[in-house]
Amino acid sequence: MRRFSQLVFDPAVKKEIIQKFQVHERDTGSPEVQIALLTERINYLTEHLKVHKKDHHSRRGLLKMVGQRRSLLNYLKRSDPVRYRVIIDKLGLRR
């Protein structure tokens, strides 16, 4: 059985997400990439919590990730609204 960290942080999956959202060739830390990686982890953890309803430790981690993603989105909205709209549309987030 594979663990959460192995599934979400599979190097191939992570590399694919980074390549899809990177701003330039060697980009791994731009807000777009960070938001995309957080969204992937949030989606996985949401599915996990649907099955394991009493896993409150993971729920707390999920809430921290959602807050971190919200902060990054607010930063991007404030600094570059065009990039903000692009990432929202690409990820299908409701904002």
Protein backbone atom coordinates (compact mmCIF):
# COMPACT_ATOMS: atom_id res chain seq x y z
CA MET A 1 0.00 0.00 0.00
CA ARG A 2 1.41 3.39 -0.99
CA ARG A 3 1.38 6.26 1.47
CA PHE A 4 -0.08 9.71 0.88
CA SER A 5 3.32 11.32 0.44
CA GLN A 6 4.32 8.71 -2.14
CA LEU A 7 1.18 9.26 -4.20
CA VAL A 8 1.10 13.04 -4.15
CA PHE A 9 4.85 13.61 -4.27
CA ASP A 10 5.59 11.04 -6.93
CA PRO A 11 8.44 12.79 -8.78
CA ALA A 12 6.85 12.19 -12.18
CA VAL A 13 3.51 13.69 -11.11
CA LYS A 14 5.18 16.65 -9.43
CA LYS A 15 7.40 17.29 -12.45
CA GLU A 16 4.38 17.18 -14.76
CA ILE A 17 2.52 19.75 -12.64
CA ILE A 18 5.56 22.02 -12.48
CA GLN A 19 6.05 21.87 -16.25
CA LYS A 20 2.41 22.69 -16.86
CA PHE A 21 2.37 25.80 -14.65
CA GLN A 22 5.95 27.11 -14.76
CA VAL A 23 6.50 30.69 -15.90
CA HIS A 24 9.97 30.04 -17.37
CA GLU A 25 12.12 26.99 -18.08
CA ARG A 26 13.76 26.54 -14.67
CA ASP A 27 10.82 27.78 -12.60
CA THR A 28 9.85 25.67 -9.59
CA GLY A 29 8.80 28.26 -7.01
CA SER A 30 6.61 30.85 -8.70
CA PRO A 31 3.20 31.45 -7.12
CA GLU A 32 1.53 29.62 -10.03
CA VAL A 33 3.56 26.45 -9.44
CA GLN A 34 3.06 26.60 -5.68
CA ILE A 35 -0.70 27.08 -6.09
CA ALA A 36 -0.92 24.17 -8.55
CA LEU A 37 1.01 21.83 -6.25
CA LEU A 38 -1.08 22.84 -3.24
CA THR A 39 -4.27 22.31 -5.26
CA GLU A 40 -3.16 18.78 -6.15
CA ARG A 41 -2.46 17.99 -2.49
CA ILE A 42 -5.74 19.59 -1.39
CA ASN A 43 -7.72 17.54 -3.91
CA TYR A 44 -6.05 14.31 -2.79
CA LEU A 45 -6.60 15.07 0.90
CA THR A 46 -10.24 15.99 0.27
CA GLU A 47 -10.84 12.55 -1.26
CA HIS A 48 -9.00 10.93 1.67
CA LEU A 49 -11.23 12.72 4.18
CA LYS A 50 -14.39 11.57 2.40
CA VAL A 51 -13.39 8.00 3.27
CA HIS A 52 -11.74 8.68 6.65
CA LYS A 53 -14.20 11.10 8.22
CA LYS A 54 -12.62 11.04 11.70
CA ASP A 55 -9.07 11.82 10.57
CA HIS A 56 -8.93 15.19 12.28
CA HIS A 57 -5.15 15.52 12.06
CA SER A 58 -5.32 15.39 8.27
CA ARG A 59 -8.27 17.78 8.30
CA ARG A 60 -6.15 20.33 10.16
CA GLY A 61 -3.38 19.93 7.59
CA LEU A 62 -5.94 20.41 4.82
CA LEU A 63 -7.15 23.66 6.38
CA LYS A 64 -3.56 24.92 6.64
CA MET A 65 -2.97 24.11 2.96
CA VAL A 66 -6.18 25.86 1.92
CA GLY A 67 -5.11 28.93 3.91
CA GLN A 68 -1.67 28.90 2.33
CA ARG A 69 -3.17 28.62 -1.16
CA ARG A 70 -5.57 31.46 -0.37
CA SER A 71 -2.63 33.65 0.71
CA LEU A 72 -0.73 32.90 -2.50
CA LEU A 73 -3.84 33.64 -4.58
CA ASN A 74 -4.38 36.93 -2.76
CA TYR A 75 -0.74 37.88 -3.37
CA LEU A 76 -1.03 37.06 -7.07
CA LYS A 77 -4.32 38.95 -7.37
CA ARG A 78 -2.75 42.01 -5.77
CA SER A 79 0.54 41.92 -7.71
CA ASP A 80 -0.54 40.65 -11.17
CA PRO A 81 -4.30 40.29 -11.82
CA VAL A 82 -3.76 38.84 -15.32
CA ARG A 83 -1.65 35.93 -14.03
CA TYR A 84 -4.21 35.48 -11.24
CA ARG A 85 -7.09 35.06 -13.74
CA VAL A 86 -5.02 32.64 -15.84
CA ILE A 87 -4.21 30.36 -12.89
CA ILE A 88 -7.82 30.44 -11.65
CA ASP A 89 -9.09 29.44 -15.09
CA LYS A 90 -6.43 26.71 -15.55
CA LEU A 91 -7.16 25.12 -12.18
CA GLY A 92 -10.91 25.63 -12.32
CA LEU A 93 -11.06 27.35 -8.94
CA ARG A 94 -14.17 29.31 -8.02
CA ARG A 95 -12.94 32.86 -7.61
